Amino acid sequence: MVQKRKTPERKCVVTNQMKPKKELIRIVRNKEGEVFVDSTGKKNGRGAYLTKDLDVINKAEKTGILSKHLNVQIEESIYEELRSFVHDEK
């Protein structure tokens, strides 16, 4: 009998829903304090996950929840990158 591997799940910081990692985008702050979108999901640093959904990204920007999670000011460009990432996926 082959054991099925468990899909790693993470929680979206906006919706607080547990979802498979593949359905989320990871935003990372590294030791230098740089914030970037981690498309591989493997980069080092403090990560926060967002659902791949424009409404969720807009809400994250409005509420500043990413800044709270990563303890750093989030540039407008990060949100732009997230939006284009979601747009490209569709």
PDB file of N, CA and C in Angstrom:
ATOM      1  N   MET A   1       0.845  -1.200   0.000  1.00  0.00           N
ATOM      2  CA  MET A   1       0.000   0.000   0.000  1.00  0.00           C
ATOM      3  C   MET A   1       0.878   1.249   0.000  1.00  0.00           C
ATOM      4  N   VAL A   2       0.597   2.130  -0.935  1.00  0.00           N
ATOM      5  CA  VAL A   2       1.368   3.358  -1.049  1.00  0.00           C
ATOM      6  C   VAL A   2       0.728   4.426  -0.168  1.00  0.00           C
ATOM      7  N   GLN A   3       1.550   5.038   0.662  1.00  0.00           N
ATOM      8  CA  GLN A   3       1.023   6.074   1.543  1.00  0.00           C
ATOM      9  C   GLN A   3       1.013   7.411   0.802  1.00  0.00           C
ATOM     10  N   LYS A   4      -0.144   8.064   0.775  1.00  0.00           N
ATOM     11  CA  LYS A   4      -0.269   9.344   0.097  1.00  0.00           C
ATOM     12  C   LYS A   4       0.350  10.425   0.982  1.00  0.00           C
ATOM     13  N   ARG A   5       1.219  11.225   0.373  1.00  0.00           N
ATOM     14  CA  ARG A   5       1.857  12.279   1.164  1.00  0.00           C
ATOM     15  C   ARG A   5       0.870  13.398   1.458  1.00  0.00           C
ATOM     16  N   LYS A   6       0.985  13.927   2.667  1.00  0.00           N
ATOM     17  CA  LYS A   6       0.089  14.999   3.075  1.00  0.00           C
ATOM     18  C   LYS A   6       0.500  16.296   2.374  1.00  0.00           C
ATOM     19  N   THR A   7      -0.476  17.012   1.833  1.00  0.00           N
ATOM     20  CA  THR A   7      -0.163  18.291   1.198  1.00  0.00           C
ATOM     21  C   THR A   7       0.106  19.308   2.296  1.00  0.00           C
ATOM     22  N   PRO A   8       1.236  20.015   2.195  1.00  0.00           N
ATOM     23  CA  PRO A   8       1.506  21.036   3.216  1.00  0.00           C
ATOM     24  C   PRO A   8       0.496  22.169   3.116  1.00  0.00           C
ATOM     25  N   GLU A   9      -0.079  22.529   4.251  1.00  0.00           N
ATOM     26  CA  GLU A   9      -1.050  23.615   4.268  1.00  0.00           C
ATOM     27  C   GLU A   9      -0.512  24.792   5.069  1.00  0.00           C
ATOM     28  N   ARG A  10      -0.902  25.981   4.649  1.00  0.00           N
ATOM     29  CA  ARG A  10      -0.526  27.195   5.351  1.00  0.00           C
ATOM     30  C   ARG A  10      -1.759  28.065   5.513  1.00  0.00           C
ATOM     31  N   LYS A  11      -1.675  29.027   6.430  1.00  0.00           N
ATOM     32  CA  LYS A  11      -2.814  29.897   6.686  1.00  0.00           C
ATOM     33  C   LYS A  11      -2.624  31.246   5.996  1.00  0.00           C
ATOM     34  N   CYS A  12      -3.666  31.659   5.273  1.00  0.00           N
ATOM     35  CA  CYS A  12      -3.653  32.980   4.650  1.00  0.00           C
ATOM     36  C   CYS A  12      -3.802  34.023   5.757  1.00  0.00           C
ATOM     37  N   VAL A  13      -2.940  35.038   5.772  1.00  0.00           N
ATOM     38  CA  VAL A  13      -2.965  36.025   6.860  1.00  0.00           C
ATOM     39  C   VAL A  13      -4.183  36.940   6.792  1.00  0.00           C
ATOM     40  N   VAL A  14      -4.852  36.996   5.634  1.00  0.00           N
ATOM     41  CA  VAL A  14      -6.039  37.844   5.500  1.00  0.00           C
ATOM     42  C   VAL A  14      -7.305  37.076   5.855  1.00  0.00           C
ATOM     43  N   THR A  15      -7.504  35.905   5.223  1.00  0.00           N
ATOM     44  CA  THR A  15      -8.751  35.161   5.421  1.00  0.00           C
ATOM     45  C   THR A  15      -8.694  34.212   6.614  1.00  0.00           C
ATOM     46  N   ASN A  16      -7.481  33.931   7.101  1.00  0.00           N
ATOM     47  CA  ASN A  16      -7.259  32.965   8.183  1.00  0.00           C
ATOM     48  C   ASN A  16      -7.733  31.552   7.829  1.00  0.00           C
ATOM     49  N   GLN A  17      -7.766  31.241   6.540  1.00  0.00           N
ATOM     50  CA  GLN A  17      -8.146  29.898   6.107  1.00  0.00           C
ATOM     51  C   GLN A  17      -6.897  29.078   5.838  1.00  0.00           C
ATOM     52  N   MET A  18      -6.970  27.809   6.217  1.00  0.00           N
ATOM     53  CA  MET A  18      -5.880  26.886   5.891  1.00  0.00           C
ATOM     54  C   MET A  18      -6.077  26.421   4.453  1.00  0.00           C
ATOM     55  N   LYS A  19      -5.025  26.522   3.648  1.00  0.00           N
ATOM     56  CA  LYS A  19      -5.109  26.103   2.254  1.00  0.00           C
ATOM     57  C   LYS A  19      -3.819  25.400   1.866  1.00  0.00           C
ATOM     58  N   PRO A  20      -3.891  24.550   0.825  1.00  0.00           N
ATOM     59  CA  PRO A  20      -2.645  23.949   0.334  1.00  0.00           C
ATOM     60  C   PRO A  20      -1.683  25.047  -0.105  1.00  0.00           C
ATOM     61  N   LYS A  21      -0.402  24.834   0.157  1.00  0.00           N
ATOM     62  CA  LYS A  21       0.627  25.830  -0.150  1.00  0.00           C
ATOM     63  C   LYS A  21       0.565  26.321  -1.596  1.00  0.00           C
ATOM     64  N   LYS A  22       0.183  25.414  -2.507  1.00  0.00           N
ATOM     65  CA  LYS A  22       0.141  25.773  -3.928  1.00  0.00           C
ATOM     66  C   LYS A  22      -0.886  26.853  -4.239  1.00  0.00           C
ATOM     67  N   GLU A  23      -1.894  26.983  -3.395  1.00  0.00           N
ATOM     68  CA  GLU A  23      -2.949  27.976  -3.633  1.00  0.00           C
ATOM     69  C   GLU A  23      -2.630  29.331  -3.001  1.00  0.00           C
ATOM     70  N   LEU A  24      -1.457  29.422  -2.391  1.00  0.00           N
ATOM     71  CA  LEU A  24      -1.090  30.653  -1.698  1.00  0.00           C
ATOM     72  C   LEU A  24       0.177  31.258  -2.300  1.00  0.00           C
ATOM     73  N   ILE A  25       0.374  32.552  -2.054  1.00  0.00           N
ATOM     74  CA  ILE A  25       1.607  33.233  -2.454  1.00  0.00           C
ATOM     75  C   ILE A  25       2.355  33.551  -1.171  1.00  0.00           C
ATOM     76  N   ARG A  26       3.662  33.335  -1.172  1.00  0.00           N
ATOM     77  CA  ARG A  26       4.467  33.617   0.018  1.00  0.00           C
ATOM     78  C   ARG A  26       5.193  34.947  -0.159  1.00  0.00           C
ATOM     79  N   ILE A  27       5.101  35.779   0.848  1.00  0.00           N
ATOM     80  CA  ILE A  27       5.835  37.043   0.877  1.00  0.00           C
ATOM     81  C   ILE A  27       6.861  36.907   1.991  1.00  0.00           C
ATOM     82  N   VAL A  28       8.106  37.253   1.697  1.00  0.00           N
ATOM     83  CA  VAL A  28       9.199  37.007   2.641  1.00  0.00           C
ATOM     84  C   VAL A  28       9.935  38.288   3.009  1.00  0.00           C
ATOM     85  N   ARG A  29      10.302  38.381   4.288  1.00  0.00           N
ATOM     86  CA  ARG A  29      11.240  39.413   4.734  1.00  0.00           C
ATOM     87  C   ARG A  29      12.505  38.694   5.171  1.00  0.00           C
ATOM     88  N   ASN A  30      13.633  39.046   4.549  1.00  0.00           N
ATOM     89  CA  ASN A  30      14.887  38.384   4.927  1.00  0.00           C
ATOM     90  C   ASN A  30      15.598  39.158   6.040  1.00  0.00           C
ATOM     91  N   LYS A  31      16.761  38.646   6.451  1.00  0.00           N
ATOM     92  CA  LYS A  31      17.503  39.259   7.571  1.00  0.00           C
ATOM     93  C   LYS A  31      17.867  40.719   7.311  1.00  0.00           C
ATOM     94  N   GLU A  32      18.062  41.057   6.022  1.00  0.00           N
ATOM     95  CA  GLU A  32      18.426  42.435   5.673  1.00  0.00           C
ATOM     96  C   GLU A  32      17.215  43.369   5.702  1.00  0.00           C
ATOM     97  N   GLY A  33      16.037  42.777   5.919  1.00  0.00           N
ATOM     98  CA  GLY A  33      14.825  43.588   5.974  1.00  0.00           C
ATOM     99  C   GLY A  33      14.199  43.819   4.609  1.00  0.00           C
ATOM    100  N   GLU A  34      14.702  43.124   3.589  1.00  0.00           N
ATOM    101  CA  GLU A  34      14.116  43.261   2.254  1.00  0.00           C
ATOM    102  C   GLU A  34      12.863  42.398   2.180  1.00  0.00           C
ATOM    103  N   VAL A  35      11.843  42.910   1.514  1.00  0.00           N
ATOM    104  CA  VAL A  35      10.595  42.161   1.357  1.00  0.00           C
ATOM    105  C   VAL A  35      10.432  41.823  -0.111  1.00  0.00           C
ATOM    106  N   PHE A  36      10.088  40.585  -0.402  1.00  0.00           N
ATOM    107  CA  PHE A  36       9.862  40.198  -1.790  1.00  0.00           C
ATOM    108  C   PHE A  36       8.874  39.054  -1.891  1.00  0.00           C
ATOM    109  N   VAL A  37       8.337  38.884  -3.102  1.00  0.00           N
ATOM    110  CA  VAL A  37       7.403  37.797  -3.369  1.00  0.00           C
ATOM    111  C   VAL A  37       8.233  36.559  -3.676  1.00  0.00           C
ATOM    112  N   ASP A  38       7.963  35.494  -2.932  1.00  0.00           N
ATOM    113  CA  ASP A  38       8.724  34.253  -3.086  1.00  0.00           C
ATOM    114  C   ASP A  38       7.894  33.239  -3.865  1.00  0.00           C
ATOM    115  N   SER A  39       8.131  33.198  -5.177  1.00  0.00           N
ATOM    116  CA  SER A  39       7.340  32.296  -6.018  1.00  0.00           C
ATOM    117  C   SER A  39       7.728  30.833  -5.814  1.00  0.00           C
ATOM    118  N   THR A  40       8.958  30.584  -5.327  1.00  0.00           N
ATOM    119  CA  THR A  40       9.398  29.203  -5.114  1.00  0.00           C
ATOM    120  C   THR A  40       8.894  28.670  -3.782  1.00  0.00           C
ATOM    121  N   GLY A  41       8.653  29.567  -2.812  1.00  0.00           N
ATOM    122  CA  GLY A  41       8.205  29.147  -1.494  1.00  0.00           C
ATOM    123  C   GLY A  41       9.316  28.545  -0.663  1.00  0.00           C
ATOM    124  N   LYS A  42      10.576  28.755  -1.094  1.00  0.00           N
ATOM    125  CA  LYS A  42      11.691  28.107  -0.408  1.00  0.00           C
ATOM    126  C   LYS A  42      12.748  29.082   0.115  1.00  0.00           C
ATOM    127  N   LYS A  43      12.570  30.371  -0.145  1.00  0.00           N
ATOM    128  CA  LYS A  43      13.588  31.335   0.270  1.00  0.00           C
ATOM    129  C   LYS A  43      13.620  31.489   1.786  1.00  0.00           C
ATOM    130  N   ASN A  44      14.789  31.846   2.301  1.00  0.00           N
ATOM    131  CA  ASN A  44      14.937  32.031   3.739  1.00  0.00           C
ATOM    132  C   ASN A  44      14.325  33.343   4.184  1.00  0.00           C
ATOM    133  N   GLY A  45      13.784  33.326   5.384  1.00  0.00           N
ATOM    134  CA  GLY A  45      13.246  34.547   5.964  1.00  0.00           C
ATOM    135  C   GLY A  45      11.879  34.316   6.561  1.00  0.00           C
ATOM    136  N   ARG A  46      11.351  35.390   7.125  1.00  0.00           N
ATOM    137  CA  ARG A  46      10.031  35.351   7.744  1.00  0.00           C
ATOM    138  C   ARG A  46       9.007  35.409   6.638  1.00  0.00           C
ATOM    139  N   GLY A  47       8.111  34.421   6.581  1.00  0.00           N
ATOM    140  CA  GLY A  47       7.134  34.377   5.499  1.00  0.00           C
ATOM    141  C   GLY A  47       5.717  34.620   5.961  1.00  0.00           C
ATOM    142  N   ALA A  48       4.938  35.201   5.085  1.00  0.00           N
ATOM    143  CA  ALA A  48       3.503  35.347   5.310  1.00  0.00           C
ATOM    144  C   ALA A  48       2.818  34.884   4.029  1.00  0.00           C
ATOM    145  N   TYR A  49       1.680  34.242   4.171  1.00  0.00           N
ATOM    146  CA  TYR A  49       0.991  33.690   3.005  1.00  0.00           C
ATOM    147  C   TYR A  49      -0.298  34.441   2.703  1.00  0.00           C
ATOM    148  N   LEU A  50      -0.547  34.635   1.394  1.00  0.00           N
ATOM    149  CA  LEU A  50      -1.785  35.259   0.942  1.00  0.00           C
ATOM    150  C   LEU A  50      -2.451  34.357  -0.085  1.00  0.00           C
ATOM    151  N   THR A  51      -3.778  34.298  -0.046  1.00  0.00           N
ATOM    152  CA  THR A  51      -4.529  33.567  -1.057  1.00  0.00           C
ATOM    153  C   THR A  51      -4.333  34.258  -2.405  1.00  0.00           C
ATOM    154  N   LYS A  52      -4.221  33.460  -3.470  1.00  0.00           N
ATOM    155  CA  LYS A  52      -4.048  34.031  -4.814  1.00  0.00           C
ATOM    156  C   LYS A  52      -5.372  34.615  -5.287  1.00  0.00           C
ATOM    157  N   ASP A  53      -5.712  35.779  -4.765  1.00  0.00           N
ATOM    158  CA  ASP A  53      -6.986  36.408  -5.071  1.00  0.00           C
ATOM    159  C   ASP A  53      -6.811  37.926  -4.964  1.00  0.00           C
ATOM    160  N   LEU A  54      -7.247  38.647  -5.996  1.00  0.00           N
ATOM    161  CA  LEU A  54      -7.066  40.101  -6.007  1.00  0.00           C
ATOM    162  C   LEU A  54      -7.749  40.783  -4.821  1.00  0.00           C
ATOM    163  N   ASP A  55      -8.945  40.309  -4.460  1.00  0.00           N
ATOM    164  CA  ASP A  55      -9.659  40.900  -3.320  1.00  0.00           C
ATOM    165  C   ASP A  55      -8.836  40.774  -2.045  1.00  0.00           C
ATOM    166  N   VAL A  56      -8.223  39.606  -1.873  1.00  0.00           N
ATOM    167  CA  VAL A  56      -7.412  39.350  -0.675  1.00  0.00           C
ATOM    168  C   VAL A  56      -6.189  40.259  -0.667  1.00  0.00           C
ATOM    169  N   ILE A  57      -5.555  40.412  -1.824  1.00  0.00           N
ATOM    170  CA  ILE A  57      -4.363  41.276  -1.918  1.00  0.00           C
ATOM    171  C   ILE A  57      -4.738  42.726  -1.630  1.00  0.00           C
ATOM    172  N   ASN A  58      -5.860  43.177  -2.194  1.00  0.00           N
ATOM    173  CA  ASN A  58      -6.313  44.544  -1.939  1.00  0.00           C
ATOM    174  C   ASN A  58      -6.636  44.764  -0.469  1.00  0.00           C
ATOM    175  N   LYS A  59      -7.252  43.762   0.144  1.00  0.00           N
ATOM    176  CA  LYS A  59      -7.585  43.860   1.562  1.00  0.00           C
ATOM    177  C   LYS A  59      -6.309  43.899   2.410  1.00  0.00           C
ATOM    178  N   ALA A  60      -5.327  43.080   2.022  1.00  0.00           N
ATOM    179  CA  ALA A  60      -4.047  43.070   2.744  1.00  0.00           C
ATOM    180  C   ALA A  60      -3.398  44.442   2.680  1.00  0.00           C
ATOM    181  N   GLU A  61      -3.503  45.078   1.517  1.00  0.00           N
ATOM    182  CA  GLU A  61      -2.907  46.409   1.358  1.00  0.00           C
ATOM    183  C   GLU A  61      -3.650  47.434   2.209  1.00  0.00           C
ATOM    184  N   LYS A  62      -4.978  47.381   2.179  1.00  0.00           N
ATOM    185  CA  LYS A  62      -5.798  48.325   2.958  1.00  0.00           C
ATOM    186  C   LYS A  62      -5.559  48.200   4.457  1.00  0.00           C
ATOM    187  N   THR A  63      -5.512  46.952   4.948  1.00  0.00           N
ATOM    188  CA  THR A  63      -5.410  46.744   6.391  1.00  0.00           C
ATOM    189  C   THR A  63      -3.969  46.805   6.896  1.00  0.00           C
ATOM    190  N   GLY A  64      -3.005  46.689   5.967  1.00  0.00           N
ATOM    191  CA  GLY A  64      -1.598  46.705   6.369  1.00  0.00           C
ATOM    192  C   GLY A  64      -1.202  45.464   7.147  1.00  0.00           C
ATOM    193  N   ILE A  65      -1.927  44.359   6.914  1.00  0.00           N
ATOM    194  CA  ILE A  65      -1.683  43.129   7.687  1.00  0.00           C
ATOM    195  C   ILE A  65      -0.296  42.531   7.427  1.00  0.00           C
ATOM    196  N   LEU A  66       0.196  42.693   6.203  1.00  0.00           N
ATOM    197  CA  LEU A  66       1.538  42.160   5.899  1.00  0.00           C
ATOM    198  C   LEU A  66       2.601  42.900   6.707  1.00  0.00           C
ATOM    199  N   SER A  67       2.434  44.213   6.835  1.00  0.00           N
ATOM    200  CA  SER A  67       3.380  45.002   7.638  1.00  0.00           C
ATOM    201  C   SER A  67       3.413  44.483   9.070  1.00  0.00           C
ATOM    202  N   LYS A  68       2.231  44.148   9.602  1.00  0.00           N
ATOM    203  CA  LYS A  68       2.151  43.638  10.974  1.00  0.00           C
ATOM    204  C   LYS A  68       2.831  42.280  11.090  1.00  0.00           C
ATOM    205  N   HIS A  69       2.569  41.399  10.114  1.00  0.00           N
ATOM    206  CA  HIS A  69       3.139  40.052  10.169  1.00  0.00           C
ATOM    207  C   HIS A  69       4.653  40.037   9.988  1.00  0.00           C
ATOM    208  N   LEU A  70       5.140  40.909   9.090  1.00  0.00           N
ATOM    209  CA  LEU A  70       6.566  40.881   8.770  1.00  0.00           C
ATOM    210  C   LEU A  70       7.350  41.967   9.501  1.00  0.00           C
ATOM    211  N   ASN A  71       6.659  42.772  10.291  1.00  0.00           N
ATOM    212  CA  ASN A  71       7.297  43.852  11.066  1.00  0.00           C
ATOM    213  C   ASN A  71       8.155  44.777  10.214  1.00  0.00           C
ATOM    214  N   VAL A  72       7.638  45.138   9.058  1.00  0.00           N
ATOM    215  CA  VAL A  72       8.395  46.011   8.164  1.00  0.00           C
ATOM    216  C   VAL A  72       7.401  46.729   7.244  1.00  0.00           C
ATOM    217  N   GLN A  73       7.779  47.931   6.784  1.00  0.00           N
ATOM    218  CA  GLN A  73       6.913  48.678   5.872  1.00  0.00           C
ATOM    219  C   GLN A  73       6.895  47.972   4.510  1.00  0.00           C
ATOM    220  N   ILE A  74       5.705  47.735   3.980  1.00  0.00           N
ATOM    221  CA  ILE A  74       5.584  47.056   2.692  1.00  0.00           C
ATOM    222  C   ILE A  74       5.464  48.089   1.576  1.00  0.00           C
ATOM    223  N   GLU A  75       6.345  47.990   0.590  1.00  0.00           N
ATOM    224  CA  GLU A  75       6.336  48.917  -0.545  1.00  0.00           C
ATOM    225  C   GLU A  75       5.114  48.653  -1.423  1.00  0.00           C
ATOM    226  N   GLU A  76       4.655  49.711  -2.089  1.00  0.00           N
ATOM    227  CA  GLU A  76       3.551  49.603  -3.050  1.00  0.00           C
ATOM    228  C   GLU A  76       3.906  48.589  -4.146  1.00  0.00           C
ATOM    229  N   SER A  77       5.175  48.550  -4.518  1.00  0.00           N
ATOM    230  CA  SER A  77       5.631  47.667  -5.605  1.00  0.00           C
ATOM    231  C   SER A  77       5.385  46.187  -5.293  1.00  0.00           C
ATOM    232  N   ILE A  78       5.426  45.837  -4.004  1.00  0.00           N
ATOM    233  CA  ILE A  78       5.177  44.446  -3.605  1.00  0.00           C
ATOM    234  C   ILE A  78       3.730  44.077  -3.952  1.00  0.00           C
ATOM    235  N   TYR A  79       2.796  44.982  -3.640  1.00  0.00           N
ATOM    236  CA  TYR A  79       1.389  44.719  -3.946  1.00  0.00           C
ATOM    237  C   TYR A  79       1.163  44.655  -5.458  1.00  0.00           C
ATOM    238  N   GLU A  80       1.883  45.522  -6.199  1.00  0.00           N
ATOM    239  CA  GLU A  80       1.779  45.502  -7.659  1.00  0.00           C
ATOM    240  C   GLU A  80       2.256  44.148  -8.186  1.00  0.00           C
ATOM    241  N   GLU A  81       3.371  43.679  -7.633  1.00  0.00           N
ATOM    242  CA  GLU A  81       3.933  42.391  -8.043  1.00  0.00           C
ATOM    243  C   GLU A  81       2.957  41.253  -7.734  1.00  0.00           C
ATOM    244  N   LEU A  82       2.331  41.315  -6.561  1.00  0.00           N
ATOM    245  CA  LEU A  82       1.354  40.304  -6.177  1.00  0.00           C
ATOM    246  C   LEU A  82       0.168  40.292  -7.137  1.00  0.00           C
ATOM    247  N   ARG A  83      -0.296  41.492  -7.488  1.00  0.00           N
ATOM    248  CA  ARG A  83      -1.444  41.578  -8.406  1.00  0.00           C
ATOM    249  C   ARG A  83      -1.104  40.999  -9.767  1.00  0.00           C
ATOM    250  N   SER A  84       0.088  41.337 -10.282  1.00  0.00           N
ATOM    251  CA  SER A  84       0.445  40.815 -11.601  1.00  0.00           C
ATOM    252  C   SER A  84       0.676  39.313 -11.542  1.00  0.00           C
ATOM    253  N   PHE A  85       1.167  38.822 -10.400  1.00  0.00           N
ATOM    254  CA  PHE A  85       1.371  37.384 -10.205  1.00  0.00           C
ATOM    255  C   PHE A  85       0.034  36.643 -10.294  1.00  0.00           C
ATOM    256  N   VAL A  86      -0.981  37.184  -9.613  1.00  0.00           N
ATOM    257  CA  VAL A  86      -2.310  36.582  -9.633  1.00  0.00           C
ATOM    258  C   VAL A  86      -2.911  36.686 -11.037  1.00  0.00           C
ATOM    259  N   HIS A  87      -2.683  37.822 -11.665  1.00  0.00           N
ATOM    260  CA  HIS A  87      -3.214  38.047 -13.005  1.00  0.00           C
ATOM    261  C   HIS A  87      -2.638  37.037 -13.996  1.00  0.00           C
ATOM    262  N   ASP A  88      -1.340  36.778 -13.897  1.00  0.00           N
ATOM    263  CA  ASP A  88      -0.667  35.847 -14.806  1.00  0.00           C
ATOM    264  C   ASP A  88      -1.140  34.413 -14.617  1.00  0.00           C
ATOM    265  N   GLU A  89      -1.568  34.089 -13.395  1.00  0.00           N
ATOM    266  CA  GLU A  89      -1.990  32.721 -13.085  1.00  0.00           C
ATOM    267  C   GLU A  89      -3.303  32.354 -13.762  1.00  0.00           C
ATOM    268  N   LYS A  90      -4.132  33.371 -14.018  1.00  0.00           N
ATOM    269  CA  LYS A  90      -5.481  33.103 -14.536  1.00  0.00           C
ATOM    270  C   LYS A  90      -5.490  32.798 -16.010  1.00  0.00           C
TER     271      LYS A  90
END
